[in-house]
Amino acid sequence: MASEPRQLKWGVEKRLEFIEFRLYWEGAINRSNIMEQFSISLPQASKDLSQYQEIVPGNIEYDKSQKRYFPTQKFKPHFLQPDASRYLSQLRSLAGGLITPDESWTSNRPGFEVLAMPHRQIDSGILKSVLSAIRQGRALEIEYQSMSRPKPAKRWITPHAFAFDGMRWHARAYCHNREQFRDFLLPRMLKTGGTADAGAEPKEDYVWNEFAKITLKPHPDLTEAQSRAVALDFGMKRAQLIVEVRLGLLYYFLRRMSLVLGKDAQNPHEQHVVLADSGQVKQWLDRAQYKTPR
């Protein structure tokens, strides 16, 4: 049984969490694992393991022949919140080069591969200018290549947020030319210029600030067993899943999930979930007056 909780320094608590991460996901840990991960001394690593055993007695045991600690049969995480998504996200980040093997908490990794997707190039200087405009509440002049125009054109925008649609990064901004809030793809910003007074405040972007609650359900043409599998896959309750989405991202969400208004155009063996209320979603789309990226 764990001892009474006490105040721990952040660094110590992270190392104790790491100990449980390795025990839970990889089944063992030793002092060198902690030393290498956190660049600490052998005495400190030993102290961490001793402190862990004091706080959660009976959770781990030491094997002298292997010189490693193993979880006991009654092992129960105390510092770690086991999360499959967190573990798999580390594999994904490793595959994408977002973190190095030294930065990952994983060690004895299984074979894995992540489907490679084309990388959208974003100029760091342009991103810095947009960030600065957002922080200062200023308008920014940009040179933008719209797909509706043959050549780039200069325009003024007042950015206030970023959005990722699963493939591309957008800047959510007030367009001074069209006098409305729109999305601007960061890779299509070719240059930035000066700044000026804001054209509108973020609170005026109701499409961004308002949320829609989208209800998903298994495709009605699936068998009962298939529907149960889909409900389990998506963590549905009573065969429904409610997803809260900004109105400004609703179009992207529907496209990302391959959802259409109505089930007739969807094959149940390819599209396992459908909208439970297409009519309501249509009203939200109309309210947002959403336009596809240019």
Protein backbone atom coordinates (compact mmCIF):
# COMPACT_ATOMS: atom_id res chain seq x y z
CA MET A 1 0.00 0.00 0.00
CA ALA A 2 1.33 3.42 -0.96
CA SER A 3 2.51 5.64 1.88
CA GLU A 4 0.92 8.99 2.63
CA PRO A 5 1.42 11.45 -0.25
CA ARG A 6 4.15 14.01 0.25
CA GLN A 7 5.39 17.02 -1.66
CA LEU A 8 8.05 16.00 -4.18
CA LYS A 9 10.22 18.18 -6.33
CA TRP A 10 9.13 18.22 -9.97
CA GLY A 11 12.35 16.57 -11.18
CA VAL A 12 12.10 13.78 -8.64
CA GLU A 13 8.45 13.10 -9.46
CA LYS A 14 9.24 12.91 -13.20
CA ARG A 15 11.97 10.34 -12.51
CA LEU A 16 9.63 8.27 -10.36
CA GLU A 17 7.06 8.44 -13.16
CA PHE A 18 9.75 7.29 -15.59
CA ILE A 19 10.49 4.32 -13.34
CA GLU A 20 6.85 3.26 -13.56
CA PHE A 21 6.74 3.93 -17.31
CA ARG A 22 9.56 1.46 -17.90
CA LEU A 23 8.12 -1.06 -15.43
CA TYR A 24 4.63 -0.87 -16.95
CA TRP A 25 5.52 -0.85 -20.65
CA GLU A 26 8.84 -2.73 -20.73
CA GLY A 27 8.68 -4.86 -17.62
CA ALA A 28 12.00 -3.90 -16.01
CA ILE A 29 14.36 -1.06 -15.12
CA ASN A 30 17.86 -0.58 -13.72
CA ARG A 31 19.88 2.32 -12.38
CA SER A 32 21.65 3.02 -15.66
CA ASN A 33 18.30 3.57 -17.40
CA ILE A 34 17.53 6.44 -15.04
CA MET A 35 21.08 7.81 -15.22
CA GLU A 36 21.08 7.91 -19.03
CA GLN A 37 17.58 9.37 -19.36
CA PHE A 38 18.07 12.22 -16.89
CA SER A 39 21.87 12.63 -16.87
CA ILE A 40 22.16 12.00 -13.13
CA SER A 41 24.71 10.21 -10.98
CA LEU A 42 24.60 6.61 -9.80
CA PRO A 43 23.94 7.63 -6.17
CA GLN A 44 21.01 9.79 -7.28
CA ALA A 45 19.52 6.96 -9.37
CA SER A 46 19.87 4.60 -6.41
CA LYS A 47 18.22 7.18 -4.16
CA ASP A 48 15.31 7.50 -6.62
CA LEU A 49 14.71 3.75 -6.59
CA SER A 50 14.92 3.63 -2.79
CA GLN A 51 12.52 6.56 -2.50
CA TYR A 52 10.13 4.86 -4.91
CA GLN A 53 10.13 1.71 -2.77
CA GLU A 54 9.42 3.79 0.33
CA ILE A 55 6.47 5.54 -1.28
CA VAL A 56 5.01 2.44 -2.97
CA PRO A 57 6.25 -0.56 -0.96
CA GLY A 58 5.87 -3.98 -2.54
CA ASN A 59 5.45 -2.61 -6.06
CA ILE A 60 8.87 -3.72 -7.35
CA GLU A 61 11.52 -6.31 -6.53
CA TYR A 62 15.21 -6.53 -7.34
CA ASP A 63 16.76 -9.49 -9.18
CA LYS A 64 20.43 -9.74 -8.16
CA SER A 65 21.37 -12.07 -11.03
CA GLN A 66 19.99 -9.70 -13.68
CA LYS A 67 20.71 -6.53 -11.68
CA ARG A 68 17.33 -5.13 -12.61
CA TYR A 69 14.10 -4.20 -10.90
CA PHE A 70 10.90 -5.96 -11.95
CA PRO A 71 7.24 -5.25 -11.12
CA THR A 72 5.68 -7.59 -8.59
CA GLN A 73 2.41 -9.38 -9.28
CA LYS A 74 0.56 -6.71 -7.29
CA PHE A 75 2.27 -3.84 -9.16
CA LYS A 76 -0.03 -0.84 -9.54
CA PRO A 77 1.14 2.49 -11.02
CA HIS A 78 1.20 5.32 -8.50
CA PHE A 79 2.79 8.17 -10.49
CA LEU A 80 1.97 7.02 -14.00
CA GLN A 81 -1.40 7.25 -15.72
CA PRO A 82 -1.08 4.36 -18.23
CA ASP A 83 -2.11 5.70 -21.63
CA ALA A 84 -1.78 3.66 -24.82
CA SER A 85 -1.99 6.82 -26.95
CA ARG A 86 0.94 8.36 -25.08
CA TYR A 87 3.12 5.31 -25.67
CA LEU A 88 2.21 5.06 -29.36
CA SER A 89 2.66 8.81 -29.84
CA GLN A 90 6.28 8.40 -28.77
CA LEU A 91 6.78 5.80 -31.51
CA ARG A 92 5.12 8.14 -33.98
CA SER A 93 7.30 11.07 -32.89
CA LEU A 94 10.41 8.91 -33.25
CA ALA A 95 9.42 7.85 -36.75
CA GLY A 96 8.72 11.45 -37.74
CA GLY A 97 11.99 12.75 -36.33
CA LEU A 98 10.19 14.99 -33.85
CA ILE A 99 12.17 13.48 -30.97
CA THR A 100 15.43 11.54 -30.77
CA PRO A 101 15.74 8.06 -29.25
CA ASP A 102 17.46 9.67 -26.24
CA GLU A 103 14.44 11.92 -25.66
CA SER A 104 11.95 9.07 -25.76
CA TRP A 105 11.09 7.18 -22.59
CA THR A 106 10.86 3.98 -24.62
CA SER A 107 13.86 1.65 -24.91
CA ASN A 108 13.01 -1.95 -25.78
CA ARG A 109 10.88 -0.89 -28.72
CA PRO A 110 8.95 -3.25 -30.98
CA GLY A 111 9.33 -3.04 -34.73
CA PHE A 112 7.19 -0.19 -36.02
CA GLU A 113 6.62 2.01 -39.03
CA VAL A 114 4.57 5.17 -39.60
CA LEU A 115 3.12 5.95 -43.01
CA ALA A 116 5.21 8.75 -44.47
CA MET A 117 3.28 11.83 -45.55
CA PRO A 118 4.58 14.76 -47.63
CA HIS A 119 6.01 17.45 -45.36
CA ARG A 120 4.55 20.93 -45.82
CA GLN A 121 7.33 23.50 -45.76
CA ILE A 122 6.74 26.54 -43.53
CA ASP A 123 9.26 29.36 -43.46
CA SER A 124 10.38 29.92 -39.85
CA GLY A 125 10.76 33.68 -40.41
CA ILE A 126 7.20 33.96 -41.68
CA LEU A 127 5.90 31.90 -38.77
CA LYS A 128 7.78 34.17 -36.36
CA SER A 129 6.19 37.27 -37.95
CA VAL A 130 2.70 35.78 -37.65
CA LEU A 131 3.35 34.80 -34.03
CA SER A 132 4.53 38.33 -33.26
CA ALA A 133 1.42 39.85 -34.86
CA ILE A 134 -0.82 37.56 -32.78
CA ARG A 135 0.96 38.41 -29.53
CA GLN A 136 0.92 42.13 -30.21
CA GLY A 137 -2.63 42.19 -31.57
CA ARG A 138 -1.46 43.77 -34.81
CA ALA A 139 -2.35 43.47 -38.47
CA LEU A 140 0.30 42.01 -40.77
CA GLU A 141 0.95 42.51 -44.47
CA ILE A 142 1.56 39.24 -46.32
CA GLU A 143 2.18 38.10 -49.85
CA TYR A 144 -0.14 35.13 -50.36
CA GLN A 145 -0.56 32.61 -53.15
CA SER A 146 -4.23 31.77 -53.37
CA MET A 147 -5.33 28.89 -55.59
CA SER A 148 -8.07 31.13 -56.96
CA ARG A 149 -5.49 33.58 -58.37
CA PRO A 150 -2.77 32.91 -60.95
CA LYS A 151 -0.17 35.00 -59.10
CA PRO A 152 0.61 35.96 -55.51
CA ALA A 153 -1.05 39.06 -54.13
CA LYS A 154 -0.42 41.31 -51.14
CA ARG A 155 -3.07 41.57 -48.48
CA TRP A 156 -3.49 42.61 -44.88
CA ILE A 157 -4.57 40.16 -42.23
CA THR A 158 -5.02 40.27 -38.46
CA PRO A 159 -4.12 36.76 -37.23
CA HIS A 160 -5.25 35.52 -33.83
CA ALA A 161 -4.84 31.70 -33.78
CA PHE A 162 -3.44 28.63 -35.53
CA ALA A 163 -5.26 25.48 -36.59
CA PHE A 164 -4.01 22.09 -37.77
CA ASP A 165 -6.43 20.09 -39.93
CA GLY A 166 -4.47 16.84 -39.74
CA MET A 167 -2.40 17.68 -42.80
CA ARG A 168 -1.79 21.42 -42.91
CA TRP A 169 -1.27 24.37 -40.58
CA HIS A 170 -3.51 27.41 -41.02
CA ALA A 171 -3.49 30.88 -39.53
CA ARG A 172 -6.94 32.01 -38.48
CA ALA A 173 -7.11 35.69 -39.30
CA TYR A 174 -9.31 38.65 -40.19
CA CYS A 175 -8.89 39.44 -43.89
CA HIS A 176 -8.90 43.22 -44.42
CA ASN A 177 -9.59 42.80 -48.15
CA ARG A 178 -12.75 40.73 -47.72
CA GLU A 179 -13.65 42.10 -44.29
CA GLN A 180 -14.24 38.66 -42.78
CA PHE A 181 -12.38 36.02 -40.81
CA ARG A 182 -10.77 33.36 -42.96
CA ASP A 183 -8.11 30.63 -42.95
CA PHE A 184 -4.71 31.19 -44.49
CA LEU A 185 -2.35 28.29 -45.14
CA LEU A 186 1.05 29.06 -43.65
CA PRO A 187 3.04 27.45 -46.52
CA ARG A 188 1.32 29.77 -48.99
CA MET A 189 2.49 32.89 -47.18
CA LEU A 190 5.49 33.82 -49.32
CA LYS A 191 6.54 37.06 -47.63
CA THR A 192 5.58 39.27 -44.72
CA GLY A 193 5.78 43.03 -44.53
CA GLY A 194 4.95 45.71 -42.03
CA THR A 195 2.35 45.82 -39.29
CA ALA A 196 -0.59 48.11 -38.58
CA ASP A 197 -3.58 48.45 -36.28
CA ALA A 198 -5.75 45.34 -36.00
CA GLY A 199 -8.71 45.02 -38.30
CA ALA A 200 -10.83 43.10 -35.80
CA GLU A 201 -10.57 41.47 -32.38
CA PRO A 202 -10.49 37.68 -31.81
CA LYS A 203 -13.77 37.82 -29.88
CA GLU A 204 -15.51 38.92 -33.08
CA ASP A 205 -14.64 35.65 -34.82
CA TYR A 206 -17.76 33.75 -33.75
CA VAL A 207 -17.03 30.94 -36.22
CA TRP A 208 -13.83 30.26 -34.30
CA ASN A 209 -15.19 30.87 -30.81
CA GLU A 210 -18.38 28.81 -31.15
CA PHE A 211 -18.38 25.03 -30.79
CA ALA A 212 -20.57 22.36 -32.32
CA LYS A 213 -21.24 19.00 -30.65
CA ILE A 214 -21.07 16.35 -33.36
CA THR A 215 -22.61 12.97 -32.59
CA LEU A 216 -21.14 9.94 -34.31
CA LYS A 217 -22.54 6.41 -34.39
CA PRO A 218 -21.66 3.11 -36.09
CA HIS A 219 -22.87 2.81 -39.66
CA PRO A 220 -26.43 1.42 -39.50
CA ASP A 221 -25.66 -1.21 -42.16
CA LEU A 222 -23.01 -2.91 -40.05
CA THR A 223 -23.87 -6.14 -38.27
CA GLU A 224 -24.50 -6.07 -34.52
CA ALA A 225 -21.06 -7.56 -33.82
CA GLN A 226 -19.37 -5.09 -36.18
CA SER A 227 -21.20 -2.20 -34.54
CA ARG A 228 -20.00 -3.31 -31.10
CA ALA A 229 -16.42 -3.45 -32.41
CA VAL A 230 -16.69 0.06 -33.86
CA ALA A 231 -18.21 1.41 -30.64
CA LEU A 232 -15.34 -0.11 -28.65
CA ASP A 233 -12.78 1.20 -31.14
CA PHE A 234 -14.01 4.79 -30.77
CA GLY A 235 -14.80 4.58 -27.07
CA MET A 236 -18.50 5.14 -27.65
CA LYS A 237 -21.09 5.10 -24.90
CA ARG A 238 -24.49 3.66 -25.80
CA ALA A 239 -23.23 3.41 -29.40
CA GLN A 240 -22.63 7.15 -29.67
CA LEU A 241 -19.63 9.45 -29.47
CA ILE A 242 -19.96 13.21 -29.02
CA VAL A 243 -17.07 15.26 -30.40
CA GLU A 244 -16.81 18.96 -29.68
CA VAL A 245 -15.50 20.85 -32.71
CA ARG A 246 -15.01 24.56 -33.38
CA LEU A 247 -17.34 25.77 -36.12
CA GLY A 248 -14.26 27.10 -37.85
CA LEU A 249 -12.81 23.58 -38.04
CA LEU A 250 -16.02 21.67 -38.76
CA TYR A 251 -15.40 21.44 -42.50
CA TYR A 252 -11.93 20.00 -41.91
CA PHE A 253 -13.23 17.56 -39.30
CA LEU A 254 -15.86 16.17 -41.67
CA ARG A 255 -13.34 15.85 -44.46
CA ARG A 256 -10.74 14.23 -42.21
CA MET A 257 -13.29 11.68 -40.97
CA SER A 258 -14.71 11.16 -44.51
CA LEU A 259 -18.16 12.06 -43.21
CA VAL A 260 -20.95 13.14 -45.54
CA LEU A 261 -24.40 14.54 -44.84
CA GLY A 262 -26.43 11.34 -45.06
CA LYS A 263 -25.34 7.69 -45.20
CA ASP A 264 -26.36 6.83 -48.76
CA ALA A 265 -22.98 7.72 -50.26
CA GLN A 266 -21.03 5.79 -47.64
CA ASN A 267 -20.01 2.15 -47.82
CA PRO A 268 -20.26 0.57 -44.35
CA HIS A 269 -17.15 -1.52 -44.98
CA GLU A 270 -15.11 1.60 -45.77
CA GLN A 271 -16.81 4.21 -43.58
CA HIS A 272 -17.51 2.68 -40.19
CA VAL A 273 -19.00 5.74 -38.49
CA VAL A 274 -21.63 8.18 -39.69
CA LEU A 275 -23.23 11.38 -38.46
CA ALA A 276 -26.13 10.71 -36.12
CA ASP A 277 -27.79 14.03 -37.03
CA SER A 278 -26.88 15.23 -40.52
CA GLY A 279 -29.55 17.92 -40.42
CA GLN A 280 -28.05 19.60 -37.37
CA VAL A 281 -24.56 19.41 -38.85
CA LYS A 282 -25.85 21.01 -42.07
CA GLN A 283 -27.23 23.91 -40.00
CA TRP A 284 -23.86 24.37 -38.30
CA LEU A 285 -22.08 24.38 -41.66
CA ASP A 286 -24.52 26.97 -42.99
CA ARG A 287 -24.04 29.06 -39.87
CA ALA A 288 -20.29 28.97 -40.28
CA GLN A 289 -20.67 29.91 -43.95
CA TYR A 290 -17.60 27.81 -44.38
CA LYS A 291 -15.41 28.07 -47.43
CA THR A 292 -12.74 25.59 -48.43
CA PRO A 293 -9.06 26.61 -48.28
CA ARG A 294 -7.95 28.71 -51.21
